Amino acid sequence: MTGTTAKRASRLPLWLRRGPCEALAMILIGLGVIMLMQPLSLLLYSYSFVTILCGTLGFVIVSHFPE
């Protein structure tokens, strides 16, 4: 053992990696679908498309992050 430490391939913080951000985007998409299908609140229904759209755009952007 030489005692050297392994360097990260990227300078991005660990929370800004692909895995956690993709999970957050998928949760946002799922939340938007639930908001779309619920019959109780018109306010939730009206913001469901925006929520799904933000989750989808976030997933597309995050898919280009390093692993």
PDB file of N, CA and C in Angstrom:
ATOM      1  N   MET A   1       0.842  -1.179   0.000  1.00  0.00           N
ATOM      2  CA  MET A   1       0.000   0.000   0.000  1.00  0.00           C
ATOM      3  C   MET A   1       0.884   1.237   0.000  1.00  0.00           C
ATOM      4  N   THR A   2       0.579   2.134  -0.863  1.00  0.00           N
ATOM      5  CA  THR A   2       1.383   3.341  -0.973  1.00  0.00           C
ATOM      6  C   THR A   2       0.866   4.459  -0.095  1.00  0.00           C
ATOM      7  N   GLY A   3      -0.354   4.351   0.380  1.00  0.00           N
ATOM      8  CA  GLY A   3      -0.895   5.385   1.251  1.00  0.00           C
ATOM      9  C   GLY A   3      -1.548   6.542   0.505  1.00  0.00           C
ATOM     10  N   THR A   4      -1.742   6.415  -0.800  1.00  0.00           N
ATOM     11  CA  THR A   4      -2.397   7.490  -1.548  1.00  0.00           C
ATOM     12  C   THR A   4      -3.900   7.337  -1.441  1.00  0.00           C
ATOM     13  N   THR A   5      -4.569   8.435  -1.489  1.00  0.00           N
ATOM     14  CA  THR A   5      -6.029   8.415  -1.423  1.00  0.00           C
ATOM     15  C   THR A   5      -6.590   8.497  -2.825  1.00  0.00           C
ATOM     16  N   ALA A   6      -7.711   7.854  -3.019  1.00  0.00           N
ATOM     17  CA  ALA A   6      -8.367   7.888  -4.318  1.00  0.00           C
ATOM     18  C   ALA A   6      -9.062   9.231  -4.493  1.00  0.00           C
ATOM     19  N   LYS A   7      -8.854   9.837  -5.627  1.00  0.00           N
ATOM     20  CA  LYS A   7      -9.485  11.128  -5.901  1.00  0.00           C
ATOM     21  C   LYS A   7     -10.804  10.908  -6.621  1.00  0.00           C
ATOM     22  N   ARG A   8     -11.746  11.784  -6.347  1.00  0.00           N
ATOM     23  CA  ARG A   8     -13.018  11.731  -7.046  1.00  0.00           C
ATOM     24  C   ARG A   8     -12.823  12.192  -8.477  1.00  0.00           C
ATOM     25  N   ALA A   9     -13.636  11.652  -9.376  1.00  0.00           N
ATOM     26  CA  ALA A   9     -13.523  12.007 -10.784  1.00  0.00           C
ATOM     27  C   ALA A   9     -14.069  13.407 -11.053  1.00  0.00           C
ATOM     28  N   SER A  10     -14.884  13.908 -10.160  1.00  0.00           N
ATOM     29  CA  SER A  10     -15.524  15.204 -10.367  1.00  0.00           C
ATOM     30  C   SER A  10     -15.369  16.062  -9.120  1.00  0.00           C
ATOM     31  N   ARG A  11     -15.477  17.355  -9.302  1.00  0.00           N
ATOM     32  CA  ARG A  11     -15.404  18.277  -8.174  1.00  0.00           C
ATOM     33  C   ARG A  11     -16.785  18.625  -7.618  1.00  0.00           C
ATOM     34  N   LEU A  12     -17.827  18.038  -8.185  1.00  0.00           N
ATOM     35  CA  LEU A  12     -19.181  18.293  -7.698  1.00  0.00           C
ATOM     36  C   LEU A  12     -19.369  17.683  -6.319  1.00  0.00           C
ATOM     37  N   PRO A  13     -20.187  18.295  -5.466  1.00  0.00           N
ATOM     38  CA  PRO A  13     -20.475  17.684  -4.159  1.00  0.00           C
ATOM     39  C   PRO A  13     -21.184  16.343  -4.336  1.00  0.00           C
ATOM     40  N   LEU A  14     -21.120  15.519  -3.316  1.00  0.00           N
ATOM     41  CA  LEU A  14     -21.712  14.181  -3.423  1.00  0.00           C
ATOM     42  C   LEU A  14     -23.223  14.220  -3.610  1.00  0.00           C
ATOM     43  N   TRP A  15     -23.910  15.215  -3.037  1.00  0.00           N
ATOM     44  CA  TRP A  15     -25.361  15.280  -3.180  1.00  0.00           C
ATOM     45  C   TRP A  15     -25.771  15.735  -4.577  1.00  0.00           C
ATOM     46  N   LEU A  16     -24.822  16.245  -5.359  1.00  0.00           N
ATOM     47  CA  LEU A  16     -25.123  16.724  -6.709  1.00  0.00           C
ATOM     48  C   LEU A  16     -24.744  15.677  -7.751  1.00  0.00           C
ATOM     49  N   ARG A  17     -24.690  14.441  -7.362  1.00  0.00           N
ATOM     50  CA  ARG A  17     -24.384  13.352  -8.279  1.00  0.00           C
ATOM     51  C   ARG A  17     -25.661  12.864  -8.948  1.00  0.00           C
ATOM     52  N   ARG A  18     -25.506  11.995  -9.918  1.00  0.00           N
ATOM     53  CA  ARG A  18     -26.634  11.521 -10.709  1.00  0.00           C
ATOM     54  C   ARG A  18     -27.640  10.730  -9.882  1.00  0.00           C
ATOM     55  N   GLY A  19     -27.188   9.842  -9.031  1.00  0.00           N
ATOM     56  CA  GLY A  19     -28.092   8.952  -8.293  1.00  0.00           C
ATOM     57  C   GLY A  19     -29.119   9.673  -7.437  1.00  0.00           C
ATOM     58  N   PRO A  20     -28.701  10.514  -6.487  1.00  0.00           N
ATOM     59  CA  PRO A  20     -29.690  11.196  -5.651  1.00  0.00           C
ATOM     60  C   PRO A  20     -30.579  12.165  -6.427  1.00  0.00           C
ATOM     61  N   CYS A  21     -30.019  12.839  -7.413  1.00  0.00           N
ATOM     62  CA  CYS A  21     -30.819  13.804  -8.171  1.00  0.00           C
ATOM     63  C   CYS A  21     -31.826  13.109  -9.078  1.00  0.00           C
ATOM     64  N   GLU A  22     -31.441  11.958  -9.652  1.00  0.00           N
ATOM     65  CA  GLU A  22     -32.401  11.205 -10.454  1.00  0.00           C
ATOM     66  C   GLU A  22     -33.535  10.688  -9.578  1.00  0.00           C
ATOM     67  N   ALA A  23     -33.214  10.247  -8.387  1.00  0.00           N
ATOM     68  CA  ALA A  23     -34.258   9.770  -7.473  1.00  0.00           C
ATOM     69  C   ALA A  23     -35.228  10.898  -7.117  1.00  0.00           C
ATOM     70  N   LEU A  24     -34.689  12.084  -6.885  1.00  0.00           N
ATOM     71  CA  LEU A  24     -35.545  13.228  -6.573  1.00  0.00           C
ATOM     72  C   LEU A  24     -36.438  13.588  -7.760  1.00  0.00           C
ATOM     73  N   ALA A  25     -35.895  13.540  -8.969  1.00  0.00           N
ATOM     74  CA  ALA A  25     -36.695  13.842 -10.156  1.00  0.00           C
ATOM     75  C   ALA A  25     -37.800  12.809 -10.356  1.00  0.00           C
ATOM     76  N   MET A  26     -37.500  11.540 -10.106  1.00  0.00           N
ATOM     77  CA  MET A  26     -38.526  10.499 -10.251  1.00  0.00           C
ATOM     78  C   MET A  26     -39.610  10.639  -9.185  1.00  0.00           C
ATOM     79  N   ILE A  27     -39.226  11.024  -7.982  1.00  0.00           N
ATOM     80  CA  ILE A  27     -40.215  11.270  -6.927  1.00  0.00           C
ATOM     81  C   ILE A  27     -41.122  12.424  -7.321  1.00  0.00           C
ATOM     82  N   LEU A  28     -40.548  13.461  -7.926  1.00  0.00           N
ATOM     83  CA  LEU A  28     -41.336  14.612  -8.371  1.00  0.00           C
ATOM     84  C   LEU A  28     -42.312  14.219  -9.476  1.00  0.00           C
ATOM     85  N   ILE A  29     -41.885  13.373 -10.398  1.00  0.00           N
ATOM     86  CA  ILE A  29     -42.784  12.892 -11.457  1.00  0.00           C
ATOM     87  C   ILE A  29     -43.913  12.067 -10.844  1.00  0.00           C
ATOM     88  N   GLY A  30     -43.578  11.174  -9.917  1.00  0.00           N
ATOM     89  CA  GLY A  30     -44.603  10.355  -9.267  1.00  0.00           C
ATOM     90  C   GLY A  30     -45.586  11.192  -8.474  1.00  0.00           C
ATOM     91  N   LEU A  31     -45.084  12.219  -7.805  1.00  0.00           N
ATOM     92  CA  LEU A  31     -45.965  13.118  -7.058  1.00  0.00           C
ATOM     93  C   LEU A  31     -46.921  13.847  -8.000  1.00  0.00           C
ATOM     94  N   GLY A  32     -46.429  14.248  -9.164  1.00  0.00           N
ATOM     95  CA  GLY A  32     -47.291  14.905 -10.142  1.00  0.00           C
ATOM     96  C   GLY A  32     -48.376  13.988 -10.666  1.00  0.00           C
ATOM     97  N   VAL A  33     -48.045  12.723 -10.869  1.00  0.00           N
ATOM     98  CA  VAL A  33     -49.055  11.759 -11.335  1.00  0.00           C
ATOM     99  C   VAL A  33     -50.110  11.529 -10.258  1.00  0.00           C
ATOM    100  N   ILE A  34     -49.676  11.431  -9.013  1.00  0.00           N
ATOM    101  CA  ILE A  34     -50.639  11.282  -7.915  1.00  0.00           C
ATOM    102  C   ILE A  34     -51.538  12.507  -7.823  1.00  0.00           C
ATOM    103  N   MET A  35     -50.952  13.687  -7.988  1.00  0.00           N
ATOM    104  CA  MET A  35     -51.749  14.918  -7.962  1.00  0.00           C
ATOM    105  C   MET A  35     -52.749  14.943  -9.106  1.00  0.00           C
ATOM    106  N   LEU A  36     -52.384  14.367 -10.237  1.00  0.00           N
ATOM    107  CA  LEU A  36     -53.269  14.344 -11.401  1.00  0.00           C
ATOM    108  C   LEU A  36     -54.451  13.402 -11.196  1.00  0.00           C
ATOM    109  N   MET A  37     -54.249  12.315 -10.473  1.00  0.00           N
ATOM    110  CA  MET A  37     -55.297  11.304 -10.345  1.00  0.00           C
ATOM    111  C   MET A  37     -56.190  11.482  -9.131  1.00  0.00           C
ATOM    112  N   GLN A  38     -55.848  12.355  -8.212  1.00  0.00           N
ATOM    113  CA  GLN A  38     -56.662  12.495  -7.008  1.00  0.00           C
ATOM    114  C   GLN A  38     -57.945  13.283  -7.309  1.00  0.00           C
ATOM    115  N   PRO A  39     -59.062  12.934  -6.688  1.00  0.00           N
ATOM    116  CA  PRO A  39     -60.340  13.594  -6.989  1.00  0.00           C
ATOM    117  C   PRO A  39     -60.742  14.690  -5.996  1.00  0.00           C
ATOM    118  N   LEU A  40     -59.876  15.059  -5.052  1.00  0.00           N
ATOM    119  CA  LEU A  40     -60.319  15.903  -3.949  1.00  0.00           C
ATOM    120  C   LEU A  40     -60.046  17.388  -4.145  1.00  0.00           C
ATOM    121  N   SER A  41     -58.922  17.748  -4.686  1.00  0.00           N
ATOM    122  CA  SER A  41     -58.524  19.145  -4.712  1.00  0.00           C
ATOM    123  C   SER A  41     -58.277  19.620  -6.143  1.00  0.00           C
ATOM    124  N   LEU A  42     -58.965  20.667  -6.529  1.00  0.00           N
ATOM    125  CA  LEU A  42     -58.754  21.241  -7.856  1.00  0.00           C
ATOM    126  C   LEU A  42     -57.412  21.950  -7.938  1.00  0.00           C
ATOM    127  N   LEU A  43     -56.932  22.485  -6.827  1.00  0.00           N
ATOM    128  CA  LEU A  43     -55.632  23.158  -6.801  1.00  0.00           C
ATOM    129  C   LEU A  43     -54.501  22.164  -7.088  1.00  0.00           C
ATOM    130  N   LEU A  44     -54.537  21.003  -6.449  1.00  0.00           N
ATOM    131  CA  LEU A  44     -53.515  19.983  -6.720  1.00  0.00           C
ATOM    132  C   LEU A  44     -53.589  19.515  -8.165  1.00  0.00           C
ATOM    133  N   TYR A  45     -54.800  19.329  -8.682  1.00  0.00           N
ATOM    134  CA  TYR A  45     -54.971  18.900 -10.060  1.00  0.00           C
ATOM    135  C   TYR A  45     -54.412  19.933 -11.031  1.00  0.00           C
ATOM    136  N   SER A  46     -54.623  21.207 -10.740  1.00  0.00           N
ATOM    137  CA  SER A  46     -54.177  22.240 -11.669  1.00  0.00           C
ATOM    138  C   SER A  46     -52.656  22.400 -11.681  1.00  0.00           C
ATOM    139  N   TYR A  47     -51.974  22.049 -10.600  1.00  0.00           N
ATOM    140  CA  TYR A  47     -50.510  22.122 -10.568  1.00  0.00           C
ATOM    141  C   TYR A  47     -49.830  20.799 -10.928  1.00  0.00           C
ATOM    142  N   SER A  48     -50.608  19.778 -11.239  1.00  0.00           N
ATOM    143  CA  SER A  48     -50.013  18.472 -11.511  1.00  0.00           C
ATOM    144  C   SER A  48     -49.187  18.472 -12.791  1.00  0.00           C
ATOM    145  N   PHE A  49     -49.656  19.131 -13.827  1.00  0.00           N
ATOM    146  CA  PHE A  49     -48.902  19.158 -15.082  1.00  0.00           C
ATOM    147  C   PHE A  49     -47.571  19.876 -14.909  1.00  0.00           C
ATOM    148  N   VAL A  50     -47.580  20.975 -14.181  1.00  0.00           N
ATOM    149  CA  VAL A  50     -46.343  21.720 -13.934  1.00  0.00           C
ATOM    150  C   VAL A  50     -45.363  20.865 -13.133  1.00  0.00           C
ATOM    151  N   THR A  51     -45.877  20.110 -12.176  1.00  0.00           N
ATOM    152  CA  THR A  51     -45.023  19.246 -11.364  1.00  0.00           C
ATOM    153  C   THR A  51     -44.411  18.135 -12.208  1.00  0.00           C
ATOM    154  N   ILE A  52     -45.223  17.499 -13.058  1.00  0.00           N
ATOM    155  CA  ILE A  52     -44.702  16.453 -13.940  1.00  0.00           C
ATOM    156  C   ILE A  52     -43.680  17.035 -14.908  1.00  0.00           C
ATOM    157  N   LEU A  53     -43.952  18.206 -15.437  1.00  0.00           N
ATOM    158  CA  LEU A  53     -43.035  18.840 -16.380  1.00  0.00           C
ATOM    159  C   LEU A  53     -41.704  19.181 -15.719  1.00  0.00           C
ATOM    160  N   CYS A  54     -41.740  19.724 -14.513  1.00  0.00           N
ATOM    161  CA  CYS A  54     -40.490  20.044 -13.793  1.00  0.00           C
ATOM    162  C   CYS A  54     -39.702  18.778 -13.475  1.00  0.00           C
ATOM    163  N   GLY A  55     -40.389  17.727 -13.079  1.00  0.00           N
ATOM    164  CA  GLY A  55     -39.710  16.462 -12.804  1.00  0.00           C
ATOM    165  C   GLY A  55     -39.073  15.874 -14.054  1.00  0.00           C
ATOM    166  N   THR A  56     -39.761  15.946 -15.181  1.00  0.00           N
ATOM    167  CA  THR A  56     -39.223  15.416 -16.434  1.00  0.00           C
ATOM    168  C   THR A  56     -38.027  16.222 -16.905  1.00  0.00           C
ATOM    169  N   LEU A  57     -38.140  17.537 -16.865  1.00  0.00           N
ATOM    170  CA  LEU A  57     -37.004  18.380 -17.262  1.00  0.00           C
ATOM    171  C   LEU A  57     -35.818  18.188 -16.324  1.00  0.00           C
ATOM    172  N   GLY A  58     -36.104  18.052 -15.039  1.00  0.00           N
ATOM    173  CA  GLY A  58     -35.039  17.787 -14.085  1.00  0.00           C
ATOM    174  C   GLY A  58     -34.357  16.457 -14.363  1.00  0.00           C
ATOM    175  N   PHE A  59     -35.133  15.433 -14.715  1.00  0.00           N
ATOM    176  CA  PHE A  59     -34.548  14.129 -15.021  1.00  0.00           C
ATOM    177  C   PHE A  59     -33.674  14.201 -16.265  1.00  0.00           C
ATOM    178  N   VAL A  60     -34.113  14.932 -17.277  1.00  0.00           N
ATOM    179  CA  VAL A  60     -33.314  15.062 -18.508  1.00  0.00           C
ATOM    180  C   VAL A  60     -31.999  15.781 -18.218  1.00  0.00           C
ATOM    181  N   ILE A  61     -32.054  16.829 -17.409  1.00  0.00           N
ATOM    182  CA  ILE A  61     -30.833  17.577 -17.083  1.00  0.00           C
ATOM    183  C   ILE A  61     -29.907  16.735 -16.213  1.00  0.00           C
ATOM    184  N   VAL A  62     -30.477  16.068 -15.214  1.00  0.00           N
ATOM    185  CA  VAL A  62     -29.664  15.287 -14.273  1.00  0.00           C
ATOM    186  C   VAL A  62     -29.033  14.076 -14.953  1.00  0.00           C
ATOM    187  N   SER A  63     -29.651  13.567 -15.994  1.00  0.00           N
ATOM    188  CA  SER A  63     -29.091  12.393 -16.668  1.00  0.00           C
ATOM    189  C   SER A  63     -27.756  12.700 -17.325  1.00  0.00           C
ATOM    190  N   HIS A  64     -27.381  13.966 -17.432  1.00  0.00           N
ATOM    191  CA  HIS A  64     -26.081  14.347 -17.989  1.00  0.00           C
ATOM    192  C   HIS A  64     -25.028  14.576 -16.918  1.00  0.00           C
ATOM    193  N   PHE A  65     -25.384  14.454 -15.642  1.00  0.00           N
ATOM    194  CA  PHE A  65     -24.430  14.623 -14.545  1.00  0.00           C
ATOM    195  C   PHE A  65     -23.488  13.421 -14.495  1.00  0.00           C
ATOM    196  N   PRO A  66     -22.299  13.593 -13.924  1.00  0.00           N
ATOM    197  CA  PRO A  66     -21.409  12.445 -13.764  1.00  0.00           C
ATOM    198  C   PRO A  66     -21.901  11.510 -12.667  1.00  0.00           C
ATOM    199  N   GLU A  67     -21.476  10.261 -12.745  1.00  0.00           N
ATOM    200  CA  GLU A  67     -21.926   9.275 -11.750  1.00  0.00           C
ATOM    201  C   GLU A  67     -21.141   9.318 -10.507  1.00  0.00           C
TER     202      GLU A  67
END
